[in-house]
PDBML (XML) file of the C-alpha atoms, coordinates in Angstrom:
<?xml version="1.0" encoding="UTF-8" ?>
<PDBx:datablock datablockName="MODEL"
   xmlns:PDBx="http://pdbml.pdb.org/schema/pdbx-v50.xsd"
   xmlns:xsi="http://www.w3.org/2001/XMLSchema-instance"
   xsi:schemaLocation="http://pdbml.pdb.org/schema/pdbx-v50.xsd pdbx-v50.xsd">
   <PDBx:atom_siteCategory>
      <PDBx:atom_site id="1">
         <PDBx:B_iso_or_equiv>0.00</PDBx:B_iso_or_equiv>
         <PDBx:Cartn_x>-23.021</PDBx:Cartn_x>
         <PDBx:Cartn_y>117.083</PDBx:Cartn_y>
         <PDBx:Cartn_z>122.058</PDBx:Cartn_z>
         <PDBx:auth_asym_id>A</PDBx:auth_asym_id>
         <PDBx:auth_atom_id>CA</PDBx:auth_atom_id>
         <PDBx:auth_comp_id>GLY</PDBx:auth_comp_id>
         <PDBx:auth_seq_id>1</PDBx:auth_seq_id>
         <PDBx:group_PDB>ATOM</PDBx:group_PDB>
         <PDBx:label_alt_id xsi:nil="true" />
         <PDBx:label_asym_id>A</PDBx:label_asym_id>
         <PDBx:label_atom_id>CA</PDBx:label_atom_id>
         <PDBx:label_comp_id>GLY</PDBx:label_comp_id>
         <PDBx:label_entity_id>1</PDBx:label_entity_id>
         <PDBx:label_seq_id>1</PDBx:label_seq_id>
         <PDBx:occupancy>1.00</PDBx:occupancy>
         <PDBx:pdbx_PDB_model_num>1</PDBx:pdbx_PDB_model_num>
         <PDBx:type_symbol>C</PDBx:type_symbol>
      </PDBx:atom_site>
      <PDBx:atom_site id="2">
         <PDBx:B_iso_or_equiv>0.00</PDBx:B_iso_or_equiv>
         <PDBx:Cartn_x>-23.657</PDBx:Cartn_x>
         <PDBx:Cartn_y>120.899</PDBx:Cartn_y>
         <PDBx:Cartn_z>122.843</PDBx:Cartn_z>
         <PDBx:auth_asym_id>A</PDBx:auth_asym_id>
         <PDBx:auth_atom_id>CA</PDBx:auth_atom_id>
         <PDBx:auth_comp_id>PHE</PDBx:auth_comp_id>
         <PDBx:auth_seq_id>2</PDBx:auth_seq_id>
         <PDBx:group_PDB>ATOM</PDBx:group_PDB>
         <PDBx:label_alt_id xsi:nil="true" />
         <PDBx:label_asym_id>A</PDBx:label_asym_id>
         <PDBx:label_atom_id>CA</PDBx:label_atom_id>
         <PDBx:label_comp_id>PHE</PDBx:label_comp_id>
         <PDBx:label_entity_id>1</PDBx:label_entity_id>
         <PDBx:label_seq_id>2</PDBx:label_seq_id>
         <PDBx:occupancy>1.00</PDBx:occupancy>
         <PDBx:pdbx_PDB_model_num>1</PDBx:pdbx_PDB_model_num>
         <PDBx:type_symbol>C</PDBx:type_symbol>
      </PDBx:atom_site>
      <PDBx:atom_site id="3">
         <PDBx:B_iso_or_equiv>0.00</PDBx:B_iso_or_equiv>
         <PDBx:Cartn_x>-20.185</PDBx:Cartn_x>
         <PDBx:Cartn_y>121.851</PDBx:Cartn_y>
         <PDBx:Cartn_z>122.251</PDBx:Cartn_z>
         <PDBx:auth_asym_id>A</PDBx:auth_asym_id>
         <PDBx:auth_atom_id>CA</PDBx:auth_atom_id>
         <PDBx:auth_comp_id>LEU</PDBx:auth_comp_id>
         <PDBx:auth_seq_id>3</PDBx:auth_seq_id>
         <PDBx:group_PDB>ATOM</PDBx:group_PDB>
         <PDBx:label_alt_id xsi:nil="true" />
         <PDBx:label_asym_id>A</PDBx:label_asym_id>
         <PDBx:label_atom_id>CA</PDBx:label_atom_id>
         <PDBx:label_comp_id>LEU</PDBx:label_comp_id>
         <PDBx:label_entity_id>1</PDBx:label_entity_id>
         <PDBx:label_seq_id>3</PDBx:label_seq_id>
         <PDBx:occupancy>1.00</PDBx:occupancy>
         <PDBx:pdbx_PDB_model_num>1</PDBx:pdbx_PDB_model_num>
         <PDBx:type_symbol>C</PDBx:type_symbol>
      </PDBx:atom_site>
      <PDBx:atom_site id="4">
         <PDBx:B_iso_or_equiv>0.00</PDBx:B_iso_or_equiv>
         <PDBx:Cartn_x>-20.393</PDBx:Cartn_x>
         <PDBx:Cartn_y>119.941</PDBx:Cartn_y>
         <PDBx:Cartn_z>118.734</PDBx:Cartn_z>
         <PDBx:auth_asym_id>A</PDBx:auth_asym_id>
         <PDBx:auth_atom_id>CA</PDBx:auth_atom_id>
         <PDBx:auth_comp_id>ALA</PDBx:auth_comp_id>
         <PDBx:auth_seq_id>4</PDBx:auth_seq_id>
         <PDBx:group_PDB>ATOM</PDBx:group_PDB>
         <PDBx:label_alt_id xsi:nil="true" />
         <PDBx:label_asym_id>A</PDBx:label_asym_id>
         <PDBx:label_atom_id>CA</PDBx:label_atom_id>
         <PDBx:label_comp_id>ALA</PDBx:label_comp_id>
         <PDBx:label_entity_id>1</PDBx:label_entity_id>
         <PDBx:label_seq_id>4</PDBx:label_seq_id>
         <PDBx:occupancy>1.00</PDBx:occupancy>
         <PDBx:pdbx_PDB_model_num>1</PDBx:pdbx_PDB_model_num>
         <PDBx:type_symbol>C</PDBx:type_symbol>
      </PDBx:atom_site>
      <PDBx:atom_site id="5">
         <PDBx:B_iso_or_equiv>0.00</PDBx:B_iso_or_equiv>
         <PDBx:Cartn_x>-23.257</PDBx:Cartn_x>
         <PDBx:Cartn_y>122.327</PDBx:Cartn_y>
         <PDBx:Cartn_z>118.139</PDBx:Cartn_z>
         <PDBx:auth_asym_id>A</PDBx:auth_asym_id>
         <PDBx:auth_atom_id>CA</PDBx:auth_atom_id>
         <PDBx:auth_comp_id>ALA</PDBx:auth_comp_id>
         <PDBx:auth_seq_id>5</PDBx:auth_seq_id>
         <PDBx:group_PDB>ATOM</PDBx:group_PDB>
         <PDBx:label_alt_id xsi:nil="true" />
         <PDBx:label_asym_id>A</PDBx:label_asym_id>
         <PDBx:label_atom_id>CA</PDBx:label_atom_id>
         <PDBx:label_comp_id>ALA</PDBx:label_comp_id>
         <PDBx:label_entity_id>1</PDBx:label_entity_id>
         <PDBx:label_seq_id>5</PDBx:label_seq_id>
         <PDBx:occupancy>1.00</PDBx:occupancy>
         <PDBx:pdbx_PDB_model_num>1</PDBx:pdbx_PDB_model_num>
         <PDBx:type_symbol>C</PDBx:type_symbol>
      </PDBx:atom_site>
      <PDBx:atom_site id="6">
         <PDBx:B_iso_or_equiv>0.00</PDBx:B_iso_or_equiv>
         <PDBx:Cartn_x>-21.814</PDBx:Cartn_x>
         <PDBx:Cartn_y>125.272</PDBx:Cartn_y>
         <PDBx:Cartn_z>119.330</PDBx:Cartn_z>
         <PDBx:auth_asym_id>A</PDBx:auth_asym_id>
         <PDBx:auth_atom_id>CA</PDBx:auth_atom_id>
         <PDBx:auth_comp_id>CYS</PDBx:auth_comp_id>
         <PDBx:auth_seq_id>6</PDBx:auth_seq_id>
         <PDBx:group_PDB>ATOM</PDBx:group_PDB>
         <PDBx:label_alt_id xsi:nil="true" />
         <PDBx:label_asym_id>A</PDBx:label_asym_id>
         <PDBx:label_atom_id>CA</PDBx:label_atom_id>
         <PDBx:label_comp_id>CYS</PDBx:label_comp_id>
         <PDBx:label_entity_id>1</PDBx:label_entity_id>
         <PDBx:label_seq_id>6</PDBx:label_seq_id>
         <PDBx:occupancy>1.00</PDBx:occupancy>
         <PDBx:pdbx_PDB_model_num>1</PDBx:pdbx_PDB_model_num>
         <PDBx:type_symbol>C</PDBx:type_symbol>
      </PDBx:atom_site>
      <PDBx:atom_site id="7">
         <PDBx:B_iso_or_equiv>0.00</PDBx:B_iso_or_equiv>
         <PDBx:Cartn_x>-18.705</PDBx:Cartn_x>
         <PDBx:Cartn_y>124.517</PDBx:Cartn_y>
         <PDBx:Cartn_z>117.141</PDBx:Cartn_z>
         <PDBx:auth_asym_id>A</PDBx:auth_asym_id>
         <PDBx:auth_atom_id>CA</PDBx:auth_atom_id>
         <PDBx:auth_comp_id>ILE</PDBx:auth_comp_id>
         <PDBx:auth_seq_id>7</PDBx:auth_seq_id>
         <PDBx:group_PDB>ATOM</PDBx:group_PDB>
         <PDBx:label_alt_id xsi:nil="true" />
         <PDBx:label_asym_id>A</PDBx:label_asym_id>
         <PDBx:label_atom_id>CA</PDBx:label_atom_id>
         <PDBx:label_comp_id>ILE</PDBx:label_comp_id>
         <PDBx:label_entity_id>1</PDBx:label_entity_id>
         <PDBx:label_seq_id>7</PDBx:label_seq_id>
         <PDBx:occupancy>1.00</PDBx:occupancy>
         <PDBx:pdbx_PDB_model_num>1</PDBx:pdbx_PDB_model_num>
         <PDBx:type_symbol>C</PDBx:type_symbol>
      </PDBx:atom_site>
      <PDBx:atom_site id="8">
         <PDBx:B_iso_or_equiv>0.00</PDBx:B_iso_or_equiv>
         <PDBx:Cartn_x>-21.008</PDBx:Cartn_x>
         <PDBx:Cartn_y>124.410</PDBx:Cartn_y>
         <PDBx:Cartn_z>113.935</PDBx:Cartn_z>
         <PDBx:auth_asym_id>A</PDBx:auth_asym_id>
         <PDBx:auth_atom_id>CA</PDBx:auth_atom_id>
         <PDBx:auth_comp_id>GLY</PDBx:auth_comp_id>
         <PDBx:auth_seq_id>8</PDBx:auth_seq_id>
         <PDBx:group_PDB>ATOM</PDBx:group_PDB>
         <PDBx:label_alt_id xsi:nil="true" />
         <PDBx:label_asym_id>A</PDBx:label_asym_id>
         <PDBx:label_atom_id>CA</PDBx:label_atom_id>
         <PDBx:label_comp_id>GLY</PDBx:label_comp_id>
         <PDBx:label_entity_id>1</PDBx:label_entity_id>
         <PDBx:label_seq_id>8</PDBx:label_seq_id>
         <PDBx:occupancy>1.00</PDBx:occupancy>
         <PDBx:pdbx_PDB_model_num>1</PDBx:pdbx_PDB_model_num>
         <PDBx:type_symbol>C</PDBx:type_symbol>
      </PDBx:atom_site>
      <PDBx:atom_site id="9">
         <PDBx:B_iso_or_equiv>0.00</PDBx:B_iso_or_equiv>
         <PDBx:Cartn_x>-22.566</PDBx:Cartn_x>
         <PDBx:Cartn_y>127.600</PDBx:Cartn_y>
         <PDBx:Cartn_z>114.575</PDBx:Cartn_z>
         <PDBx:auth_asym_id>A</PDBx:auth_asym_id>
         <PDBx:auth_atom_id>CA</PDBx:auth_atom_id>
         <PDBx:auth_comp_id>MET</PDBx:auth_comp_id>
         <PDBx:auth_seq_id>9</PDBx:auth_seq_id>
         <PDBx:group_PDB>ATOM</PDBx:group_PDB>
         <PDBx:label_alt_id xsi:nil="true" />
         <PDBx:label_asym_id>A</PDBx:label_asym_id>
         <PDBx:label_atom_id>CA</PDBx:label_atom_id>
         <PDBx:label_comp_id>MET</PDBx:label_comp_id>
         <PDBx:label_entity_id>1</PDBx:label_entity_id>
         <PDBx:label_seq_id>9</PDBx:label_seq_id>
         <PDBx:occupancy>1.00</PDBx:occupancy>
         <PDBx:pdbx_PDB_model_num>1</PDBx:pdbx_PDB_model_num>
         <PDBx:type_symbol>C</PDBx:type_symbol>
      </PDBx:atom_site>
      <PDBx:atom_site id="10">
         <PDBx:B_iso_or_equiv>0.00</PDBx:B_iso_or_equiv>
         <PDBx:Cartn_x>-18.606</PDBx:Cartn_x>
         <PDBx:Cartn_y>129.213</PDBx:Cartn_y>
         <PDBx:Cartn_z>115.029</PDBx:Cartn_z>
         <PDBx:auth_asym_id>A</PDBx:auth_asym_id>
         <PDBx:auth_atom_id>CA</PDBx:auth_atom_id>
         <PDBx:auth_comp_id>ILE</PDBx:auth_comp_id>
         <PDBx:auth_seq_id>10</PDBx:auth_seq_id>
         <PDBx:group_PDB>ATOM</PDBx:group_PDB>
         <PDBx:label_alt_id xsi:nil="true" />
         <PDBx:label_asym_id>A</PDBx:label_asym_id>
         <PDBx:label_atom_id>CA</PDBx:label_atom_id>
         <PDBx:label_comp_id>ILE</PDBx:label_comp_id>
         <PDBx:label_entity_id>1</PDBx:label_entity_id>
         <PDBx:label_seq_id>10</PDBx:label_seq_id>
         <PDBx:occupancy>1.00</PDBx:occupancy>
         <PDBx:pdbx_PDB_model_num>1</PDBx:pdbx_PDB_model_num>
         <PDBx:type_symbol>C</PDBx:type_symbol>
      </PDBx:atom_site>
      <PDBx:atom_site id="11">
         <PDBx:B_iso_or_equiv>0.00</PDBx:B_iso_or_equiv>
         <PDBx:Cartn_x>-17.832</PDBx:Cartn_x>
         <PDBx:Cartn_y>127.804</PDBx:Cartn_y>
         <PDBx:Cartn_z>111.709</PDBx:Cartn_z>
         <PDBx:auth_asym_id>A</PDBx:auth_asym_id>
         <PDBx:auth_atom_id>CA</PDBx:auth_atom_id>
         <PDBx:auth_comp_id>PHE</PDBx:auth_comp_id>
         <PDBx:auth_seq_id>11</PDBx:auth_seq_id>
         <PDBx:group_PDB>ATOM</PDBx:group_PDB>
         <PDBx:label_alt_id xsi:nil="true" />
         <PDBx:label_asym_id>A</PDBx:label_asym_id>
         <PDBx:label_atom_id>CA</PDBx:label_atom_id>
         <PDBx:label_comp_id>PHE</PDBx:label_comp_id>
         <PDBx:label_entity_id>1</PDBx:label_entity_id>
         <PDBx:label_seq_id>11</PDBx:label_seq_id>
         <PDBx:occupancy>1.00</PDBx:occupancy>
         <PDBx:pdbx_PDB_model_num>1</PDBx:pdbx_PDB_model_num>
         <PDBx:type_symbol>C</PDBx:type_symbol>
      </PDBx:atom_site>
      <PDBx:atom_site id="12">
         <PDBx:B_iso_or_equiv>0.00</PDBx:B_iso_or_equiv>
         <PDBx:Cartn_x>-20.760</PDBx:Cartn_x>
         <PDBx:Cartn_y>129.664</PDBx:Cartn_y>
         <PDBx:Cartn_z>110.060</PDBx:Cartn_z>
         <PDBx:auth_asym_id>A</PDBx:auth_asym_id>
         <PDBx:auth_atom_id>CA</PDBx:auth_atom_id>
         <PDBx:auth_comp_id>GLY</PDBx:auth_comp_id>
         <PDBx:auth_seq_id>12</PDBx:auth_seq_id>
         <PDBx:group_PDB>ATOM</PDBx:group_PDB>
         <PDBx:label_alt_id xsi:nil="true" />
         <PDBx:label_asym_id>A</PDBx:label_asym_id>
         <PDBx:label_atom_id>CA</PDBx:label_atom_id>
         <PDBx:label_comp_id>GLY</PDBx:label_comp_id>
         <PDBx:label_entity_id>1</PDBx:label_entity_id>
         <PDBx:label_seq_id>12</PDBx:label_seq_id>
         <PDBx:occupancy>1.00</PDBx:occupancy>
         <PDBx:pdbx_PDB_model_num>1</PDBx:pdbx_PDB_model_num>
         <PDBx:type_symbol>C</PDBx:type_symbol>
      </PDBx:atom_site>
      <PDBx:atom_site id="13">
         <PDBx:B_iso_or_equiv>0.00</PDBx:B_iso_or_equiv>
         <PDBx:Cartn_x>-20.216</PDBx:Cartn_x>
         <PDBx:Cartn_y>132.882</PDBx:Cartn_y>
         <PDBx:Cartn_z>111.781</PDBx:Cartn_z>
         <PDBx:auth_asym_id>A</PDBx:auth_asym_id>
         <PDBx:auth_atom_id>CA</PDBx:auth_atom_id>
         <PDBx:auth_comp_id>VAL</PDBx:auth_comp_id>
         <PDBx:auth_seq_id>13</PDBx:auth_seq_id>
         <PDBx:group_PDB>ATOM</PDBx:group_PDB>
         <PDBx:label_alt_id xsi:nil="true" />
         <PDBx:label_asym_id>A</PDBx:label_asym_id>
         <PDBx:label_atom_id>CA</PDBx:label_atom_id>
         <PDBx:label_comp_id>VAL</PDBx:label_comp_id>
         <PDBx:label_entity_id>1</PDBx:label_entity_id>
         <PDBx:label_seq_id>13</PDBx:label_seq_id>
         <PDBx:occupancy>1.00</PDBx:occupancy>
         <PDBx:pdbx_PDB_model_num>1</PDBx:pdbx_PDB_model_num>
         <PDBx:type_symbol>C</PDBx:type_symbol>
      </PDBx:atom_site>
      <PDBx:atom_site id="14">
         <PDBx:B_iso_or_equiv>0.00</PDBx:B_iso_or_equiv>
         <PDBx:Cartn_x>-16.390</PDBx:Cartn_x>
         <PDBx:Cartn_y>132.484</PDBx:Cartn_y>
         <PDBx:Cartn_z>110.477</PDBx:Cartn_z>
         <PDBx:auth_asym_id>A</PDBx:auth_asym_id>
         <PDBx:auth_atom_id>CA</PDBx:auth_atom_id>
         <PDBx:auth_comp_id>ILE</PDBx:auth_comp_id>
         <PDBx:auth_seq_id>14</PDBx:auth_seq_id>
         <PDBx:group_PDB>ATOM</PDBx:group_PDB>
         <PDBx:label_alt_id xsi:nil="true" />
         <PDBx:label_asym_id>A</PDBx:label_asym_id>
         <PDBx:label_atom_id>CA</PDBx:label_atom_id>
         <PDBx:label_comp_id>ILE</PDBx:label_comp_id>
         <PDBx:label_entity_id>1</PDBx:label_entity_id>
         <PDBx:label_seq_id>14</PDBx:label_seq_id>
         <PDBx:occupancy>1.00</PDBx:occupancy>
         <PDBx:pdbx_PDB_model_num>1</PDBx:pdbx_PDB_model_num>
         <PDBx:type_symbol>C</PDBx:type_symbol>
      </PDBx:atom_site>
      <PDBx:atom_site id="15">
         <PDBx:B_iso_or_equiv>0.00</PDBx:B_iso_or_equiv>
         <PDBx:Cartn_x>-17.134</PDBx:Cartn_x>
         <PDBx:Cartn_y>131.963</PDBx:Cartn_y>
         <PDBx:Cartn_z>107.110</PDBx:Cartn_z>
         <PDBx:auth_asym_id>A</PDBx:auth_asym_id>
         <PDBx:auth_atom_id>CA</PDBx:auth_atom_id>
         <PDBx:auth_comp_id>SER</PDBx:auth_comp_id>
         <PDBx:auth_seq_id>15</PDBx:auth_seq_id>
         <PDBx:group_PDB>ATOM</PDBx:group_PDB>
         <PDBx:label_alt_id xsi:nil="true" />
         <PDBx:label_asym_id>A</PDBx:label_asym_id>
         <PDBx:label_atom_id>CA</PDBx:label_atom_id>
         <PDBx:label_comp_id>SER</PDBx:label_comp_id>
         <PDBx:label_entity_id>1</PDBx:label_entity_id>
         <PDBx:label_seq_id>15</PDBx:label_seq_id>
         <PDBx:occupancy>1.00</PDBx:occupancy>
         <PDBx:pdbx_PDB_model_num>1</PDBx:pdbx_PDB_model_num>
         <PDBx:type_symbol>C</PDBx:type_symbol>
      </PDBx:atom_site>
      <PDBx:atom_site id="16">
         <PDBx:B_iso_or_equiv>0.00</PDBx:B_iso_or_equiv>
         <PDBx:Cartn_x>-19.661</PDBx:Cartn_x>
         <PDBx:Cartn_y>134.362</PDBx:Cartn_y>
         <PDBx:Cartn_z>107.166</PDBx:Cartn_z>
         <PDBx:auth_asym_id>A</PDBx:auth_asym_id>
         <PDBx:auth_atom_id>CA</PDBx:auth_atom_id>
         <PDBx:auth_comp_id>PHE</PDBx:auth_comp_id>
         <PDBx:auth_seq_id>16</PDBx:auth_seq_id>
         <PDBx:group_PDB>ATOM</PDBx:group_PDB>
         <PDBx:label_alt_id xsi:nil="true" />
         <PDBx:label_asym_id>A</PDBx:label_asym_id>
         <PDBx:label_atom_id>CA</PDBx:label_atom_id>
         <PDBx:label_comp_id>PHE</PDBx:label_comp_id>
         <PDBx:label_entity_id>1</PDBx:label_entity_id>
         <PDBx:label_seq_id>16</PDBx:label_seq_id>
         <PDBx:occupancy>1.00</PDBx:occupancy>
         <PDBx:pdbx_PDB_model_num>1</PDBx:pdbx_PDB_model_num>
         <PDBx:type_symbol>C</PDBx:type_symbol>
      </PDBx:atom_site>
      <PDBx:atom_site id="17">
         <PDBx:B_iso_or_equiv>0.00</PDBx:B_iso_or_equiv>
         <PDBx:Cartn_x>-17.274</PDBx:Cartn_x>
         <PDBx:Cartn_y>136.996</PDBx:Cartn_y>
         <PDBx:Cartn_z>108.118</PDBx:Cartn_z>
         <PDBx:auth_asym_id>A</PDBx:auth_asym_id>
         <PDBx:auth_atom_id>CA</PDBx:auth_atom_id>
         <PDBx:auth_comp_id>GLU</PDBx:auth_comp_id>
         <PDBx:auth_seq_id>17</PDBx:auth_seq_id>
         <PDBx:group_PDB>ATOM</PDBx:group_PDB>
         <PDBx:label_alt_id xsi:nil="true" />
         <PDBx:label_asym_id>A</PDBx:label_asym_id>
         <PDBx:label_atom_id>CA</PDBx:label_atom_id>
         <PDBx:label_comp_id>GLU</PDBx:label_comp_id>
         <PDBx:label_entity_id>1</PDBx:label_entity_id>
         <PDBx:label_seq_id>17</PDBx:label_seq_id>
         <PDBx:occupancy>1.00</PDBx:occupancy>
         <PDBx:pdbx_PDB_model_num>1</PDBx:pdbx_PDB_model_num>
         <PDBx:type_symbol>C</PDBx:type_symbol>
      </PDBx:atom_site>
      <PDBx:atom_site id="18">
         <PDBx:B_iso_or_equiv>0.00</PDBx:B_iso_or_equiv>
         <PDBx:Cartn_x>-14.432</PDBx:Cartn_x>
         <PDBx:Cartn_y>135.703</PDBx:Cartn_y>
         <PDBx:Cartn_z>106.476</PDBx:Cartn_z>
         <PDBx:auth_asym_id>A</PDBx:auth_asym_id>
         <PDBx:auth_atom_id>CA</PDBx:auth_atom_id>
         <PDBx:auth_comp_id>ILE</PDBx:auth_comp_id>
         <PDBx:auth_seq_id>18</PDBx:auth_seq_id>
         <PDBx:group_PDB>ATOM</PDBx:group_PDB>
         <PDBx:label_alt_id xsi:nil="true" />
         <PDBx:label_asym_id>A</PDBx:label_asym_id>
         <PDBx:label_atom_id>CA</PDBx:label_atom_id>
         <PDBx:label_comp_id>ILE</PDBx:label_comp_id>
         <PDBx:label_entity_id>1</PDBx:label_entity_id>
         <PDBx:label_seq_id>18</PDBx:label_seq_id>
         <PDBx:occupancy>1.00</PDBx:occupancy>
         <PDBx:pdbx_PDB_model_num>1</PDBx:pdbx_PDB_model_num>
         <PDBx:type_symbol>C</PDBx:type_symbol>
      </PDBx:atom_site>
      <PDBx:atom_site id="19">
         <PDBx:B_iso_or_equiv>0.00</PDBx:B_iso_or_equiv>
         <PDBx:Cartn_x>-16.201</PDBx:Cartn_x>
         <PDBx:Cartn_y>136.051</PDBx:Cartn_y>
         <PDBx:Cartn_z>102.420</PDBx:Cartn_z>
         <PDBx:auth_asym_id>A</PDBx:auth_asym_id>
         <PDBx:auth_atom_id>CA</PDBx:auth_atom_id>
         <PDBx:auth_comp_id>MET</PDBx:auth_comp_id>
         <PDBx:auth_seq_id>19</PDBx:auth_seq_id>
         <PDBx:group_PDB>ATOM</PDBx:group_PDB>
         <PDBx:label_alt_id xsi:nil="true" />
         <PDBx:label_asym_id>A</PDBx:label_asym_id>
         <PDBx:label_atom_id>CA</PDBx:label_atom_id>
         <PDBx:label_comp_id>MET</PDBx:label_comp_id>
         <PDBx:label_entity_id>1</PDBx:label_entity_id>
         <PDBx:label_seq_id>19</PDBx:label_seq_id>
         <PDBx:occupancy>1.00</PDBx:occupancy>
         <PDBx:pdbx_PDB_model_num>1</PDBx:pdbx_PDB_model_num>
         <PDBx:type_symbol>C</PDBx:type_symbol>
      </PDBx:atom_site>
      <PDBx:atom_site id="20">
         <PDBx:B_iso_or_equiv>0.00</PDBx:B_iso_or_equiv>
         <PDBx:Cartn_x>-19.207</PDBx:Cartn_x>
         <PDBx:Cartn_y>138.000</PDBx:Cartn_y>
         <PDBx:Cartn_z>102.553</PDBx:Cartn_z>
         <PDBx:auth_asym_id>A</PDBx:auth_asym_id>
         <PDBx:auth_atom_id>CA</PDBx:auth_atom_id>
         <PDBx:auth_comp_id>LYS</PDBx:auth_comp_id>
         <PDBx:auth_seq_id>20</PDBx:auth_seq_id>
         <PDBx:group_PDB>ATOM</PDBx:group_PDB>
         <PDBx:label_alt_id xsi:nil="true" />
         <PDBx:label_asym_id>A</PDBx:label_asym_id>
         <PDBx:label_atom_id>CA</PDBx:label_atom_id>
         <PDBx:label_comp_id>LYS</PDBx:label_comp_id>
         <PDBx:label_entity_id>1</PDBx:label_entity_id>
         <PDBx:label_seq_id>20</PDBx:label_seq_id>
         <PDBx:occupancy>1.00</PDBx:occupancy>
         <PDBx:pdbx_PDB_model_num>1</PDBx:pdbx_PDB_model_num>
         <PDBx:type_symbol>C</PDBx:type_symbol>
      </PDBx:atom_site>
      <PDBx:atom_site id="21">
         <PDBx:B_iso_or_equiv>0.00</PDBx:B_iso_or_equiv>
         <PDBx:Cartn_x>-17.497</PDBx:Cartn_x>
         <PDBx:Cartn_y>141.008</PDBx:Cartn_y>
         <PDBx:Cartn_z>101.655</PDBx:Cartn_z>
         <PDBx:auth_asym_id>A</PDBx:auth_asym_id>
         <PDBx:auth_atom_id>CA</PDBx:auth_atom_id>
         <PDBx:auth_comp_id>LYS</PDBx:auth_comp_id>
         <PDBx:auth_seq_id>21</PDBx:auth_seq_id>
         <PDBx:group_PDB>ATOM</PDBx:group_PDB>
         <PDBx:label_alt_id xsi:nil="true" />
         <PDBx:label_asym_id>A</PDBx:label_asym_id>
         <PDBx:label_atom_id>CA</PDBx:label_atom_id>
         <PDBx:label_comp_id>LYS</PDBx:label_comp_id>
         <PDBx:label_entity_id>1</PDBx:label_entity_id>
         <PDBx:label_seq_id>21</PDBx:label_seq_id>
         <PDBx:occupancy>1.00</PDBx:occupancy>
         <PDBx:pdbx_PDB_model_num>1</PDBx:pdbx_PDB_model_num>
         <PDBx:type_symbol>C</PDBx:type_symbol>
      </PDBx:atom_site>
      <PDBx:atom_site id="22">
         <PDBx:B_iso_or_equiv>0.00</PDBx:B_iso_or_equiv>
         <PDBx:Cartn_x>-16.311</PDBx:Cartn_x>
         <PDBx:Cartn_y>139.066</PDBx:Cartn_y>
         <PDBx:Cartn_z>98.618</PDBx:Cartn_z>
         <PDBx:auth_asym_id>A</PDBx:auth_asym_id>
         <PDBx:auth_atom_id>CA</PDBx:auth_atom_id>
         <PDBx:auth_comp_id>LYS</PDBx:auth_comp_id>
         <PDBx:auth_seq_id>22</PDBx:auth_seq_id>
         <PDBx:group_PDB>ATOM</PDBx:group_PDB>
         <PDBx:label_alt_id xsi:nil="true" />
         <PDBx:label_asym_id>A</PDBx:label_asym_id>
         <PDBx:label_atom_id>CA</PDBx:label_atom_id>
         <PDBx:label_comp_id>LYS</PDBx:label_comp_id>
         <PDBx:label_entity_id>1</PDBx:label_entity_id>
         <PDBx:label_seq_id>22</PDBx:label_seq_id>
         <PDBx:occupancy>1.00</PDBx:occupancy>
         <PDBx:pdbx_PDB_model_num>1</PDBx:pdbx_PDB_model_num>
         <PDBx:type_symbol>C</PDBx:type_symbol>
      </PDBx:atom_site>
      <PDBx:atom_site id="23">
         <PDBx:B_iso_or_equiv>0.00</PDBx:B_iso_or_equiv>
         <PDBx:Cartn_x>-19.367</PDBx:Cartn_x>
         <PDBx:Cartn_y>137.177</PDBx:Cartn_y>
         <PDBx:Cartn_z>97.468</PDBx:Cartn_z>
         <PDBx:auth_asym_id>A</PDBx:auth_asym_id>
         <PDBx:auth_atom_id>CA</PDBx:auth_atom_id>
         <PDBx:auth_comp_id>TYR</PDBx:auth_comp_id>
         <PDBx:auth_seq_id>23</PDBx:auth_seq_id>
         <PDBx:group_PDB>ATOM</PDBx:group_PDB>
         <PDBx:label_alt_id xsi:nil="true" />
         <PDBx:label_asym_id>A</PDBx:label_asym_id>
         <PDBx:label_atom_id>CA</PDBx:label_atom_id>
         <PDBx:label_comp_id>TYR</PDBx:label_comp_id>
         <PDBx:label_entity_id>1</PDBx:label_entity_id>
         <PDBx:label_seq_id>23</PDBx:label_seq_id>
         <PDBx:occupancy>1.00</PDBx:occupancy>
         <PDBx:pdbx_PDB_model_num>1</PDBx:pdbx_PDB_model_num>
         <PDBx:type_symbol>C</PDBx:type_symbol>
      </PDBx:atom_site>
      <PDBx:atom_site id="24">
         <PDBx:B_iso_or_equiv>0.00</PDBx:B_iso_or_equiv>
         <PDBx:Cartn_x>-21.995</PDBx:Cartn_x>
         <PDBx:Cartn_y>139.209</PDBx:Cartn_y>
         <PDBx:Cartn_z>98.954</PDBx:Cartn_z>
         <PDBx:auth_asym_id>A</PDBx:auth_asym_id>
         <PDBx:auth_atom_id>CA</PDBx:auth_atom_id>
         <PDBx:auth_comp_id>LEU</PDBx:auth_comp_id>
         <PDBx:auth_seq_id>24</PDBx:auth_seq_id>
         <PDBx:group_PDB>ATOM</PDBx:group_PDB>
         <PDBx:label_alt_id xsi:nil="true" />
         <PDBx:label_asym_id>A</PDBx:label_asym_id>
         <PDBx:label_atom_id>CA</PDBx:label_atom_id>
         <PDBx:label_comp_id>LEU</PDBx:label_comp_id>
         <PDBx:label_entity_id>1</PDBx:label_entity_id>
         <PDBx:label_seq_id>24</PDBx:label_seq_id>
         <PDBx:occupancy>1.00</PDBx:occupancy>
         <PDBx:pdbx_PDB_model_num>1</PDBx:pdbx_PDB_model_num>
         <PDBx:type_symbol>C</PDBx:type_symbol>
      </PDBx:atom_site>
   </PDBx:atom_siteCategory>
</PDBx:datablock>
């Protein structure tokens, strides 16, 4: 359960870093 929460947070960080320069 904790690992699933960790993976969810990693998805969020990666999404932000990949797309922030294009959309923000």
